């Protein structure tokens, strides 16, 4: 039965009676996944904080805490991926899709769903085989079969597969749905038919799958994790004899690093900071210090992002905490909307290395670089880029009219400082706990959560219990989205390594004229591009294991290289027209993207100059390392 169309030629919604059962099934499935995912976030916080208490208060370490945390973590990652899939929150490259006509955009969305369906069908049986094999492995502390952990992989795949089918059944335009399914099926069938040809092409297959397939899927709006997974499965299944269960094993390994447990915990901490009013108090204090000088509120924005980034670790949470507090006052002073969103996006790029950045945690987990060293090495480079932004703000705001702005007296500033002091102390509490060895980079987030909860309940008395549930679900969703990308990219990186590509890349990079200087310059340019196309975490998971050994062989300090790479990716991430961070800043600011394009170019240029300074002066990254 063909669907009716509206005046624009787009399919109308299906009759309500027809959609009732799919809507009800989707809602029920969402409940069945979101509630356990939220409970898992709470459980991880309790387990890790209990480990700290047992170690330092009761002097009796819990030998099973890390094991339980690891088992629950894979379930959190997979259920969070399901939540993100249901909500449409998996990371996608939508720059080209959004430029298409409404009809084409709707069709490409169907193609993305069909591609996700193909990936889930491919992964289902190997994930089940992998979980079955893990039943013969027992955990060291508890002595239970590891299938209790590994079963999260097939369960998550089945749940996402069910949601995919519901999405397809819910479509009004059956013809477009069948066309999208047929297109994906035809591509898969064509590649399978060409298997004898592909098997003899050698490393040309790397271009076909890891450039061609990845580019085609990413640019048509397929979620990045699924695009990586499809390319990896296609390459290994059609050009090698590697069992597909190995891919699932690599994905599990990439997602199960216990250090990555810091991702959901710091995401939740960032949301907690905003909910308890701590972010607003910090910003208010900074405004009392600088709000009366020319460009003062812009300086406050730069400083506030520096401070808040040291707490939340998630750029979207940082911008969402700062922009609503500052922008009304800045607009009242006559600030241009485009200028505001441009500076907000630029500060997002500036603060990528401020601990505890999720990218810092990720880069430490996939490259083996000390996360404590990365936390220490990222502080000063972020400050250097902040100073570069402030220099441009000073130049642009020299003629700002401050006739209606009153300078606060010392008593007002002191009062604002006293009120903000508990919030200002949080970044120092977190960093001191890591540096002094009180807690690991994973555990320290729970100290921040407990501290923020206490301050919100008993000091600021601003704690909305009704928001906790949605915050926990959002934490699971964002974490699952990030972790599935890390898992898929780990599988892809393993396939690239097995092909010999990493060895060839190392030889090419080492033979560049100019040695370490050329290697650093090429890395900066490459990661600016990668940051704009793939975003920071997928790019670093995919290329970090390949490039960091080369940096080490060339005598480049790994912390210094990590900082330069992260800043370069940040520049790409917030640079229009492809950088999704820029569009996130526009969405948070409620400003159309075209208004910020022109003013952001100057800010990005100042960020680029700052990156060159950081790259040229390694001491900025390594000077405070022990």
Protein backbone atom coordinates (compact mmCIF):
# COMPACT_ATOMS: atom_id res chain seq x y z
CA UNK A 1 0.00 0.00 0.00
CA UNK A 2 1.59 3.28 -1.06
CA UNK A 3 1.60 6.16 1.38
CA UNK A 4 -0.17 9.42 0.60
CA UNK A 5 1.97 12.49 0.10
CA UNK A 6 1.58 16.11 1.10
CA UNK A 7 1.82 19.22 -1.07
CA UNK A 8 5.61 19.14 -0.92
CA UNK A 9 5.70 15.57 -2.15
CA UNK A 10 6.79 14.17 1.23
CA UNK A 11 5.04 11.17 2.74
CA UNK A 12 2.34 11.88 5.27
CA UNK A 13 2.32 10.21 8.64
CA UNK A 14 0.82 6.75 8.86
CA UNK A 15 -2.67 6.41 10.34
CA UNK A 16 -2.64 6.59 14.12
CA UNK A 17 -4.13 3.11 14.48
CA UNK A 18 -1.34 1.64 12.37
CA UNK A 19 1.39 3.34 14.37
CA UNK A 20 0.04 2.54 17.82
CA UNK A 21 1.70 -0.83 18.21
CA UNK A 22 5.11 0.28 16.91
CA UNK A 23 5.05 3.36 19.13
CA UNK A 24 4.02 1.31 22.15
CA UNK A 25 6.71 -1.30 21.44
CA UNK A 26 9.36 1.39 21.03
CA UNK A 27 8.31 3.07 24.28
CA UNK A 28 8.29 -0.23 26.18
CA UNK A 29 11.70 -1.19 24.83
CA UNK A 30 13.01 2.24 25.79
CA UNK A 31 11.80 1.78 29.37
CA UNK A 32 13.28 -1.71 29.58
CA UNK A 33 16.69 -0.35 28.56
CA UNK A 34 16.82 3.15 30.08
CA UNK A 35 16.01 2.09 33.65
CA UNK A 36 18.75 -0.59 33.87
CA UNK A 37 21.22 1.77 32.15
CA UNK A 38 20.54 4.49 34.74
CA UNK A 39 20.88 1.95 37.57
CA UNK A 40 24.22 0.81 36.14
CA UNK A 41 25.57 4.38 36.24
CA UNK A 42 24.61 4.64 39.93
CA UNK A 43 26.08 1.19 40.63
CA UNK A 44 29.44 2.13 39.09
CA UNK A 45 29.60 5.31 41.18
CA UNK A 46 28.81 3.39 44.38
CA UNK A 47 31.27 0.56 43.66
CA UNK A 48 34.21 2.84 42.81
CA UNK A 49 33.61 5.18 45.73
CA UNK A 50 33.25 2.18 48.06
CA UNK A 51 36.66 1.03 46.83
CA UNK A 52 38.19 4.37 47.83
CA UNK A 53 36.54 4.27 51.26
CA UNK A 54 37.62 0.68 51.85
CA UNK A 55 41.21 1.50 50.91
CA UNK A 56 41.71 4.73 52.84
CA UNK A 57 39.10 4.74 55.61
CA UNK A 58 38.73 1.08 56.57
CA UNK A 59 42.22 -0.01 55.42
CA UNK A 60 40.71 -3.11 53.82
CA UNK A 61 40.81 -2.95 49.98
CA UNK A 62 37.94 -4.57 48.06
CA UNK A 63 39.69 -7.04 45.78
CA UNK A 64 36.51 -7.61 43.78
CA UNK A 65 35.48 -4.00 43.16
CA UNK A 66 37.36 -3.55 39.88
CA UNK A 67 36.08 -6.90 38.63
CA UNK A 68 32.44 -6.07 39.34
CA UNK A 69 32.93 -2.60 37.87
CA UNK A 70 34.37 -4.16 34.69
CA UNK A 71 31.47 -6.61 34.31
CA UNK A 72 28.88 -3.88 34.76
CA UNK A 73 30.82 -1.47 32.54
CA UNK A 74 30.38 -3.51 29.34
CA UNK A 75 26.66 -3.78 30.08
CA UNK A 76 26.53 -0.01 30.63
CA UNK A 77 28.35 0.57 27.32
CA UNK A 78 26.02 -1.68 25.32
CA UNK A 79 22.77 -0.60 26.97
CA UNK A 80 23.91 3.02 26.64
CA UNK A 81 24.48 2.36 22.93
CA UNK A 82 20.92 1.04 22.68
CA UNK A 83 19.57 4.17 24.41
CA UNK A 84 21.60 6.41 22.09
CA UNK A 85 20.35 4.44 19.08
CA UNK A 86 16.72 4.81 20.14
CA UNK A 87 17.16 8.56 20.72
CA UNK A 88 19.09 9.14 17.51
CA UNK A 89 22.11 10.40 19.50
CA UNK A 90 24.90 8.35 17.90
CA UNK A 91 27.54 10.62 16.38
CA UNK A 92 26.93 11.30 12.69
CA UNK A 93 28.46 13.47 10.01
CA UNK A 94 25.44 15.48 8.82
CA UNK A 95 27.05 18.43 7.02
CA UNK A 96 26.22 17.06 3.56
CA UNK A 97 22.94 15.42 4.52
CA UNK A 98 21.57 18.67 5.91
CA UNK A 99 22.27 20.45 2.61
CA UNK A 100 20.11 18.01 0.66
CA UNK A 101 16.44 18.55 -0.21
CA UNK A 102 13.86 17.31 2.32
CA UNK A 103 13.03 14.28 0.15
CA UNK A 104 16.69 13.33 -0.34
CA UNK A 105 17.42 13.88 3.34
CA UNK A 106 14.55 11.60 4.31
CA UNK A 107 15.85 8.91 1.95
CA UNK A 108 19.41 9.20 3.29
CA UNK A 109 18.06 8.77 6.82
CA UNK A 110 16.45 5.52 5.66
CA UNK A 111 19.75 4.44 4.09
CA UNK A 112 21.48 5.12 7.43
CA UNK A 113 18.93 2.91 9.21
CA UNK A 114 19.37 0.17 6.59
CA UNK A 115 23.17 0.35 6.93
CA UNK A 116 22.85 0.05 10.72
CA UNK A 117 20.61 -2.98 10.16
CA UNK A 118 23.29 -4.56 7.95
CA UNK A 119 25.95 -4.04 10.59
CA UNK A 120 23.78 -5.48 13.37
CA UNK A 121 22.92 -8.54 11.29
CA UNK A 122 26.62 -9.08 10.58
CA UNK A 123 27.64 -8.75 14.22
CA UNK A 124 24.86 -10.81 15.76
CA UNK A 125 26.16 -14.35 15.23
CA UNK A 126 29.86 -13.53 15.91
CA UNK A 127 28.92 -11.75 19.14
CA UNK A 128 26.91 -14.78 20.25
CA UNK A 129 29.83 -17.10 19.40
CA UNK A 130 32.19 -14.83 21.31
CA UNK A 131 29.98 -14.80 24.41
CA UNK A 132 29.64 -18.58 24.24
CA UNK A 133 33.42 -18.98 24.15
CA UNK A 134 33.79 -16.73 27.20
CA UNK A 135 31.80 -19.15 29.38
CA UNK A 136 34.97 -21.24 29.67
CA UNK A 137 36.88 -18.27 31.16
CA UNK A 138 36.43 -17.49 34.85
CA UNK A 139 37.11 -14.17 36.54
CA UNK A 140 40.11 -14.19 38.93
CA UNK A 141 38.52 -12.67 42.05
CA UNK A 142 34.92 -13.89 41.95
CA UNK A 143 35.48 -17.07 39.94
CA UNK A 144 32.35 -16.63 37.81
CA UNK A 145 32.12 -17.39 34.07
CA UNK A 146 33.02 -14.39 31.92
CA UNK A 147 29.91 -14.98 29.83
CA UNK A 148 28.07 -12.84 32.40
CA UNK A 149 30.07 -9.91 31.08
CA UNK A 150 30.46 -10.88 27.41
CA UNK A 151 26.70 -11.54 27.01
CA UNK A 152 26.27 -7.77 26.91
CA UNK A 153 27.53 -7.78 23.30
CA UNK A 154 24.83 -10.03 21.73
CA UNK A 155 22.11 -8.63 24.01
CA UNK A 156 22.94 -5.07 22.94
CA UNK A 157 23.03 -6.12 19.27
CA UNK A 158 19.62 -7.82 19.54
CA UNK A 159 18.06 -4.78 21.22
CA UNK A 160 19.43 -2.38 18.59
CA UNK A 161 18.29 -4.76 15.86
CA UNK A 162 14.76 -4.72 17.32
CA UNK A 163 14.79 -0.91 17.40
CA UNK A 164 16.00 -0.81 13.80
CA UNK A 165 13.13 -2.99 12.65
CA UNK A 166 10.65 -0.84 14.57
CA UNK A 167 12.08 2.26 12.86
CA UNK A 168 11.63 0.70 9.44
CA UNK A 169 8.11 -0.52 10.21
CA UNK A 170 7.20 2.96 11.43
CA UNK A 171 8.08 4.61 8.11
CA UNK A 172 5.21 6.12 6.13
CA UNK A 173 6.81 5.82 2.70
CA UNK A 174 7.16 2.09 2.12
CA UNK A 175 8.55 2.58 -1.35
CA UNK A 176 11.44 4.70 -0.08
CA UNK A 177 12.04 2.20 2.73
CA UNK A 178 12.24 -0.72 0.30
CA UNK A 179 14.51 1.30 -2.00
CA UNK A 180 16.89 2.06 0.88
CA UNK A 181 16.95 -1.60 1.96
CA UNK A 182 17.46 -2.72 -1.63
CA UNK A 183 20.30 -0.23 -2.14
CA UNK A 184 22.21 -1.43 0.95
CA UNK A 185 21.51 -5.08 0.11
CA UNK A 186 22.73 -4.54 -3.47
CA UNK A 187 25.99 -2.97 -2.28
CA UNK A 188 26.61 -5.83 0.15
CA UNK A 189 25.79 -8.41 -2.53
CA UNK A 190 28.04 -6.70 -5.08
CA UNK A 191 30.99 -6.68 -2.69
CA UNK A 192 30.36 -10.34 -1.83
CA UNK A 193 30.25 -11.25 -5.53
CA UNK A 194 33.56 -9.45 -6.06
CA UNK A 195 35.25 -11.42 -3.25
CA UNK A 196 37.55 -13.41 -5.60
CA UNK A 197 38.71 -10.16 -7.20
CA UNK A 198 39.16 -8.36 -3.89
CA UNK A 199 41.21 -11.21 -2.46
CA UNK A 200 43.91 -10.56 -5.05
CA UNK A 201 44.13 -6.78 -4.66
CA UNK A 202 46.32 -6.74 -1.55
CA UNK A 203 46.55 -3.41 0.25
CA UNK A 204 44.39 -1.70 -2.37
CA UNK A 205 41.55 -3.11 -0.28
CA UNK A 206 42.54 -0.70 2.47
CA UNK A 207 41.57 2.17 0.18
CA UNK A 208 38.38 0.44 -0.91
CA UNK A 209 37.10 -0.32 2.58
CA UNK A 210 38.78 2.09 5.01
CA UNK A 211 38.63 5.09 2.70
CA UNK A 212 35.87 4.35 0.20
CA UNK A 213 33.33 2.52 2.38
CA UNK A 214 34.01 4.68 5.44
CA UNK A 215 33.74 7.93 3.46
CA UNK A 216 30.58 6.83 1.64
CA UNK A 217 28.83 5.75 4.83
CA UNK A 218 29.99 8.63 7.01
CA UNK A 219 29.10 11.34 4.49
CA UNK A 220 25.65 9.84 3.87
CA UNK A 221 24.84 10.13 7.57
CA UNK A 222 25.45 6.59 8.83
CA UNK A 223 26.48 6.78 12.52
CA UNK A 224 30.26 6.71 12.75
CA UNK A 225 30.42 3.57 14.90
CA UNK A 226 28.36 1.59 12.38
CA UNK A 227 30.38 2.99 9.46
CA UNK A 228 33.62 1.80 11.09
CA UNK A 229 32.05 -1.58 11.87
CA UNK A 230 30.78 -2.13 8.32
CA UNK A 231 34.17 -1.29 6.80
CA UNK A 232 36.01 -3.59 9.20
CA UNK A 233 33.63 -6.52 8.74
CA UNK A 234 33.69 -6.09 4.97
CA UNK A 235 37.47 -5.95 4.78
CA UNK A 236 38.10 -8.95 7.03
CA UNK A 237 35.26 -11.11 5.67
CA UNK A 238 36.02 -10.54 1.97
CA UNK A 239 39.81 -10.25 1.88
CA UNK A 240 41.08 -12.40 4.77
CA UNK A 241 40.34 -15.68 6.54
CA UNK A 242 40.09 -14.11 9.99
CA UNK A 243 37.06 -15.38 11.98
CA UNK A 244 34.54 -12.61 12.52
CA UNK A 245 34.44 -13.47 16.22
CA UNK A 246 37.88 -11.81 16.43
CA UNK A 247 36.34 -8.46 15.46
CA UNK A 248 33.88 -8.72 18.35
CA UNK A 249 36.79 -9.62 20.63
CA UNK A 250 38.65 -6.48 19.51
CA UNK A 251 35.55 -4.36 20.02
CA UNK A 252 35.12 -5.79 23.52
CA UNK A 253 38.75 -5.04 24.33
CA UNK A 254 38.42 -1.47 23.10
CA UNK A 255 35.25 -0.81 25.10
CA UNK A 256 36.29 -2.63 28.28
CA UNK A 257 39.35 -0.66 29.38
CA UNK A 258 38.46 0.18 32.97
CA UNK A 259 40.04 3.61 32.58
CA UNK A 260 37.21 4.43 30.15
CA UNK A 261 34.78 4.13 33.04
CA UNK A 262 35.80 7.73 33.68
CA UNK A 263 33.77 8.69 30.59
CA UNK A 264 30.26 8.16 32.03
CA UNK A 265 31.29 9.31 35.49
CA UNK A 266 32.72 12.63 34.29
CA UNK A 267 29.74 13.16 31.98
CA UNK A 268 27.44 12.76 34.98
CA UNK A 269 29.66 15.03 37.07
CA UNK A 270 29.38 17.75 34.43
CA UNK A 271 25.58 17.52 34.49
CA UNK A 272 25.65 17.59 38.30
CA UNK A 273 27.76 20.75 38.31
CA UNK A 274 25.18 22.55 36.20
CA UNK A 275 22.20 21.19 38.18
CA UNK A 276 23.60 22.16 41.59
CA UNK A 277 24.21 25.76 40.45
CA UNK A 278 27.98 25.46 40.95
CA UNK A 279 28.79 26.56 37.40
CA UNK A 280 26.62 29.68 37.71
CA UNK A 281 28.34 30.70 40.97
CA UNK A 282 31.79 30.40 39.41
CA UNK A 283 30.75 32.46 36.40
CA UNK A 284 29.15 35.11 38.64
CA UNK A 285 32.41 35.54 40.56
CA UNK A 286 34.42 35.91 37.35
CA UNK A 287 31.91 38.45 36.07
CA UNK A 288 32.31 40.53 39.24
CA UNK A 289 36.06 40.63 38.61
CA UNK A 290 36.12 41.42 34.90
CA UNK A 291 32.63 42.45 33.85
CA UNK A 292 33.37 46.19 34.07
CA UNK A 293 36.34 46.28 31.64
CA UNK A 294 36.15 46.43 27.85
CA UNK A 295 35.63 42.90 26.59
CA UNK A 296 35.30 41.82 30.20
CA UNK A 297 32.41 39.42 29.66
CA UNK A 298 34.31 37.81 26.80
CA UNK A 299 37.29 37.31 29.13
CA UNK A 300 34.86 35.79 31.63
CA UNK A 301 33.63 33.39 28.94
CA UNK A 302 37.20 32.26 28.18
CA UNK A 303 38.03 31.83 31.88
CA UNK A 304 34.73 30.14 32.70
CA UNK A 305 35.19 27.56 29.96
CA UNK A 306 38.71 26.91 31.26
CA UNK A 307 37.39 26.28 34.77
CA UNK A 308 34.29 24.31 33.82
CA UNK A 309 36.23 22.16 31.36
CA UNK A 310 38.35 21.09 34.29
CA UNK A 311 35.23 19.67 35.90
CA UNK A 312 32.88 18.19 33.34
CA UNK A 313 35.21 16.81 30.68
CA UNK A 314 32.46 17.06 28.01
CA UNK A 315 32.41 20.03 25.65
CA UNK A 316 28.64 20.08 25.14
CA UNK A 317 28.14 20.11 28.93
CA UNK A 318 30.75 22.87 29.28
CA UNK A 319 29.07 25.14 26.76
CA UNK A 320 25.59 24.38 28.08
CA UNK A 321 26.71 25.34 31.60
CA UNK A 322 28.35 28.64 30.64
CA UNK A 323 26.38 30.11 27.71
CA UNK A 324 22.94 30.52 29.38
CA UNK A 325 24.56 32.34 32.30
CA UNK A 326 26.69 34.81 30.31
CA UNK A 327 24.93 35.41 27.01
CA UNK A 328 21.92 37.43 28.29
CA UNK A 329 24.22 39.98 29.93
CA UNK A 330 26.54 40.08 26.92
CA UNK A 331 23.59 40.68 24.57
CA UNK A 332 22.34 43.41 26.89
CA UNK A 333 25.69 45.14 26.39
CA UNK A 334 25.23 45.03 22.63
CA UNK A 335 27.31 41.96 21.76
CA UNK A 336 26.64 40.50 18.33
CA UNK A 337 25.09 36.99 18.30
CA UNK A 338 27.58 35.76 15.73
CA UNK A 339 30.49 37.03 17.82
CA UNK A 340 29.13 35.24 20.89
CA UNK A 341 28.72 31.85 19.26
CA UNK A 342 32.10 32.21 17.53
CA UNK A 343 33.90 32.84 20.82
CA UNK A 344 31.99 30.03 22.54
CA UNK A 345 33.05 27.56 19.85
CA UNK A 346 36.64 28.82 19.95
CA UNK A 347 36.82 28.31 23.71
CA UNK A 348 35.60 24.76 23.11
CA UNK A 349 38.67 24.18 20.94
CA UNK A 350 40.91 25.99 23.45
CA UNK A 351 39.95 23.80 26.39
CA UNK A 352 40.27 20.33 24.80
CA UNK A 353 43.35 19.55 26.91
CA UNK A 354 41.99 20.81 30.24
CA UNK A 355 41.64 17.78 32.52
CA UNK A 356 39.64 15.70 32.93
CA UNK A 357 38.95 15.87 29.18
CA UNK A 358 37.32 12.75 27.78
CA UNK A 359 39.78 12.90 24.89
CA UNK A 360 42.71 12.88 27.34
CA UNK A 361 41.27 9.81 29.04
CA UNK A 362 40.71 8.09 25.69
CA UNK A 363 44.17 8.86 24.38
CA UNK A 364 45.72 7.47 27.55
CA UNK A 365 43.68 4.26 27.31
CA UNK A 366 44.55 3.49 23.68
CA UNK A 367 48.21 4.58 23.66
CA UNK A 368 49.40 3.69 27.16
CA UNK A 369 50.47 7.25 27.98
CA UNK A 370 50.06 8.07 31.68
CA UNK A 371 46.73 9.80 32.19
CA UNK A 372 48.09 11.60 35.25
CA UNK A 373 50.89 12.99 33.05
CA UNK A 374 48.35 14.00 30.41
CA UNK A 375 46.25 15.77 33.04
CA UNK A 376 49.32 17.70 34.17
CA UNK A 377 50.62 18.42 30.67
CA UNK A 378 47.33 19.74 29.33
CA UNK A 379 46.87 22.65 31.74
CA UNK A 380 49.44 25.18 30.49
CA UNK A 381 48.80 24.71 26.74
CA UNK A 382 45.11 25.43 27.37
CA UNK A 383 46.14 28.61 29.15
CA UNK A 384 48.36 29.63 26.23
CA UNK A 385 45.47 29.27 23.79
CA UNK A 386 43.23 31.18 26.20
CA UNK A 387 45.69 34.07 26.21
CA UNK A 388 45.71 34.06 22.41
CA UNK A 389 41.92 34.35 22.41
CA UNK A 390 42.05 37.14 24.99
CA UNK A 391 44.51 39.06 22.83
CA UNK A 392 42.02 38.99 19.95
CA UNK A 393 39.15 39.92 22.29
CA UNK A 394 41.16 42.95 23.44
CA UNK A 395 41.67 44.01 19.84
CA UNK A 396 38.01 43.58 18.89
CA UNK A 397 36.52 45.21 22.02
CA UNK A 398 38.63 48.35 22.26
CA UNK A 399 35.64 50.54 21.41
CA UNK A 400 33.02 48.77 23.53
CA UNK A 401 30.63 51.20 25.24
CA UNK A 402 30.68 50.68 29.03
CA UNK A 403 28.81 53.84 29.99
CA UNK A 404 25.94 51.83 31.49
CA UNK A 405 28.11 49.31 33.34
CA UNK A 406 28.78 49.86 37.02
CA UNK A 407 32.03 48.63 38.55
CA UNK A 408 31.36 46.43 41.59
CA UNK A 409 33.00 47.43 44.87
CA UNK A 410 35.37 45.25 46.85
CA UNK A 411 32.63 44.00 49.16
CA UNK A 412 30.57 42.73 46.21
CA UNK A 413 33.56 40.94 44.73
CA UNK A 414 34.45 39.40 48.10
CA UNK A 415 30.88 38.22 48.57
CA UNK A 416 30.83 36.65 45.10
CA UNK A 417 34.15 34.94 45.84
CA UNK A 418 32.91 33.57 49.15
CA UNK A 419 29.74 32.22 47.54
CA UNK A 420 31.70 30.66 44.63
CA UNK A 421 34.50 29.23 46.79
CA UNK A 422 32.98 25.73 47.22
CA UNK A 423 32.53 25.50 43.45
CA UNK A 424 35.97 26.93 42.67
CA UNK A 425 37.53 24.35 44.97
CA UNK A 426 36.21 21.36 42.99
CA UNK A 427 38.79 21.39 40.14
CA UNK A 428 41.58 21.55 42.73
CA UNK A 429 40.04 18.71 44.75
CA UNK A 430 39.90 16.52 41.64
CA UNK A 431 43.43 17.27 40.49
CA UNK A 432 44.92 16.92 43.97
CA UNK A 433 43.30 13.51 44.38
CA UNK A 434 44.89 12.29 41.13
CA UNK A 435 48.32 13.85 41.60
CA UNK A 436 48.64 12.72 45.23
CA UNK A 437 47.56 9.19 44.36
CA UNK A 438 44.46 9.20 46.55
CA UNK A 439 42.41 7.90 43.62
CA UNK A 440 42.97 6.77 40.06
CA UNK A 441 41.83 8.84 37.09
CA UNK A 442 38.76 6.61 37.00
CA UNK A 443 37.94 6.78 40.71
CA UNK A 444 38.52 10.51 41.11
CA UNK A 445 35.30 11.31 39.28
CA UNK A 446 33.32 9.66 42.09
CA UNK A 447 35.03 11.98 44.58
CA UNK A 448 33.86 14.91 42.46
CA UNK A 449 30.32 13.49 42.29
CA UNK A 450 30.11 13.04 46.06
CA UNK A 451 31.59 16.52 46.63
CA UNK A 452 29.20 18.19 44.16
CA UNK A 453 26.23 16.36 45.68
CA UNK A 454 27.19 17.52 49.18
CA UNK A 455 27.66 21.13 48.03
CA UNK A 456 24.38 21.09 46.14
CA UNK A 457 22.40 19.63 49.05
CA UNK A 458 23.89 21.39 52.05
CA UNK A 459 25.72 24.51 50.86
CA UNK A 460 23.85 25.90 47.84
CA UNK A 461 20.66 23.96 48.60
CA UNK A 462 19.99 23.68 44.91
CA UNK A 463 19.40 20.04 44.07
CA UNK A 464 16.52 18.94 41.82
CA UNK A 465 15.90 15.25 42.48
CA UNK A 466 13.46 15.10 39.56
CA UNK A 467 16.31 15.75 37.15
CA UNK A 468 18.48 12.86 38.38
CA UNK A 469 16.69 10.22 36.31
CA UNK A 470 17.01 12.05 32.97
CA UNK A 471 20.61 12.97 33.83
CA UNK A 472 21.51 9.32 34.45
CA UNK A 473 19.84 8.20 31.23
CA UNK A 474 21.60 10.95 29.26
CA UNK A 475 24.90 9.89 30.84
CA UNK A 476 24.34 6.29 29.73
CA UNK A 477 23.34 7.41 26.22
CA UNK A 478 26.33 9.69 25.62
CA UNK A 479 28.72 7.15 27.14
CA UNK A 480 27.34 4.31 25.03
CA UNK A 481 27.67 6.44 21.91
CA UNK A 482 31.33 7.22 22.69
CA UNK A 483 32.23 3.70 23.79
CA UNK A 484 30.69 2.00 20.74
CA UNK A 485 32.79 4.27 18.52
CA UNK A 486 35.88 3.34 20.52
CA UNK A 487 35.05 -0.35 20.18
CA UNK A 488 34.43 -0.15 16.43
CA UNK A 489 37.53 1.99 15.88
CA UNK A 490 39.63 -0.45 17.92
CA UNK A 491 38.50 -3.24 15.61
CA UNK A 492 39.38 -1.12 12.58
CA UNK A 493 42.79 -0.19 14.00
CA UNK A 494 43.50 -3.89 14.63
CA UNK A 495 42.58 -4.73 11.03
CA UNK A 496 44.88 -1.98 9.76
CA UNK A 497 47.70 -3.30 11.93
CA UNK A 498 47.22 -6.87 10.70
CA UNK A 499 47.38 -5.67 7.11
CA UNK A 500 50.86 -4.25 7.64
CA UNK A 501 49.62 -0.72 7.04
CA UNK A 502 50.93 0.55 10.36
CA UNK A 503 54.45 -0.63 9.54
CA UNK A 504 54.31 1.03 6.14
CA UNK A 505 52.93 4.23 7.65
CA UNK A 506 55.71 4.25 10.22
CA UNK A 507 58.34 3.91 7.51
CA UNK A 508 56.81 6.72 5.45
CA UNK A 509 56.53 9.09 8.41
CA UNK A 510 60.06 8.34 9.59
CA UNK A 511 61.44 9.03 6.11
CA UNK A 512 59.91 12.53 5.90
CA UNK A 513 62.59 15.20 5.29
CA UNK A 514 63.03 17.33 8.37
CA UNK A 515 62.59 14.51 10.89
CA UNK A 516 60.57 15.31 14.00
CA UNK A 517 59.72 18.83 12.79
CA UNK A 518 58.07 17.56 9.60
CA UNK A 519 56.37 14.74 11.49
CA UNK A 520 54.83 17.22 13.93
CA UNK A 521 53.72 19.57 11.14
CA UNK A 522 52.10 16.76 9.15
CA UNK A 523 50.42 15.45 12.34
CA UNK A 524 48.92 18.89 13.07
CA UNK A 525 47.45 19.22 9.58
CA UNK A 526 46.24 15.61 9.52
CA UNK A 527 44.49 15.83 12.89
CA UNK A 528 42.83 19.15 12.04
CA UNK A 529 41.23 17.37 9.07
CA UNK A 530 40.46 14.22 11.08
CA UNK A 531 38.96 16.28 13.89
CA UNK A 532 36.57 18.00 11.52
CA UNK A 533 35.46 14.78 9.82
CA UNK A 534 35.56 12.10 12.50
CA UNK A 535 35.57 14.13 15.74
CA UNK A 536 38.28 13.72 18.36
CA UNK A 537 37.57 10.38 20.00
CA UNK A 538 37.11 8.25 16.84
CA UNK A 539 40.15 9.87 15.22
CA UNK A 540 42.43 9.28 18.19
CA UNK A 541 41.29 5.70 18.73
CA UNK A 542 41.87 4.91 15.07
CA UNK A 543 45.19 6.65 14.51
CA UNK A 544 46.67 6.99 18.01
CA UNK A 545 48.04 3.42 18.17
CA UNK A 546 49.62 3.94 14.74
CA UNK A 547 51.25 7.34 15.21
CA UNK A 548 52.33 7.40 18.85
CA UNK A 549 54.99 4.69 18.39
CA UNK A 550 56.37 6.75 15.49
CA UNK A 551 56.50 9.87 17.69
CA UNK A 552 58.32 7.86 20.35
CA UNK A 553 60.83 6.54 17.79
CA UNK A 554 61.50 10.10 16.59
CA UNK A 555 62.22 11.33 20.10
CA UNK A 556 59.03 13.35 20.49
CA UNK A 557 57.75 13.33 24.07
CA UNK A 558 54.45 11.42 24.12
CA UNK A 559 52.68 13.88 26.42
CA UNK A 560 53.79 16.78 24.23
CA UNK A 561 52.65 14.95 21.11
CA UNK A 562 49.31 14.05 22.71
CA UNK A 563 48.63 17.66 23.67
CA UNK A 564 49.45 18.97 20.19
CA UNK A 565 47.32 16.27 18.55
CA UNK A 566 44.33 16.96 20.82
CA UNK A 567 44.51 20.73 20.24
CA UNK A 568 44.72 20.16 16.48
CA UNK A 569 41.67 17.91 16.57
CA UNK A 570 39.86 20.50 18.64
CA UNK A 571 40.55 23.13 16.00
CA UNK A 572 39.06 20.86 13.35
CA UNK A 573 36.11 19.89 15.56
CA UNK A 574 34.99 23.51 16.03
CA UNK A 575 35.85 24.80 12.55
CA UNK A 576 32.98 25.26 10.08
CA UNK A 577 31.74 24.03 7.70
CA UNK A 578 32.37 20.43 8.83
CA UNK A 579 33.22 20.72 12.53
CA UNK A 580 30.24 19.41 14.49
CA UNK A 581 31.41 21.20 17.63
CA UNK A 582 30.63 24.52 15.95
CA UNK A 583 27.06 23.43 15.25
CA UNK A 584 26.71 22.22 18.84
CA UNK A 585 27.75 25.70 20.01
CA UNK A 586 25.16 27.23 17.64
CA UNK A 587 22.44 24.92 18.97
CA UNK A 588 23.26 25.74 22.60
CA UNK A 589 23.39 29.46 21.83
CA UNK A 590 20.26 29.31 19.67
CA UNK A 591 22.05 31.19 16.93
CA UNK A 592 21.93 30.26 13.24
CA UNK A 593 25.32 28.91 12.02
CA UNK A 594 25.75 31.47 9.25
CA UNK A 595 25.99 34.34 11.77
CA UNK A 596 29.14 32.98 13.38
CA UNK A 597 31.07 31.90 10.28
CA UNK A 598 32.85 35.23 9.69
CA UNK A 599 33.80 36.13 13.29
CA UNK A 600 35.00 32.64 14.15
CA UNK A 601 37.73 32.72 11.50
CA UNK A 602 39.79 35.22 13.50
CA UNK A 603 39.40 33.18 16.70
CA UNK A 604 40.40 29.97 14.93
CA UNK A 605 43.43 31.74 13.49
CA UNK A 606 44.50 32.75 17.01
CA UNK A 607 43.97 29.13 18.15
CA UNK A 608 46.16 27.95 15.25
CA UNK A 609 48.93 30.34 16.27
CA UNK A 610 48.66 29.03 19.83
CA UNK A 611 48.99 25.43 18.60
CA UNK A 612 52.15 26.33 16.70
CA UNK A 613 53.58 27.92 19.87
CA UNK A 614 52.73 24.83 21.95
CA UNK A 615 54.23 22.53 19.29
CA UNK A 616 57.41 24.62 19.09
CA UNK A 617 57.91 24.82 22.88
CA UNK A 618 57.67 21.30 24.38
CA UNK A 619 58.24 22.69 27.89
CA UNK A 620 54.69 24.05 27.88
CA UNK A 621 53.47 20.43 27.94
CA UNK A 622 56.28 18.72 29.82
CA UNK A 623 57.69 21.38 32.14
CA UNK A 624 55.63 20.29 35.18
CA UNK A 625 55.92 16.54 34.72
CA UNK A 626 57.65 14.68 37.51
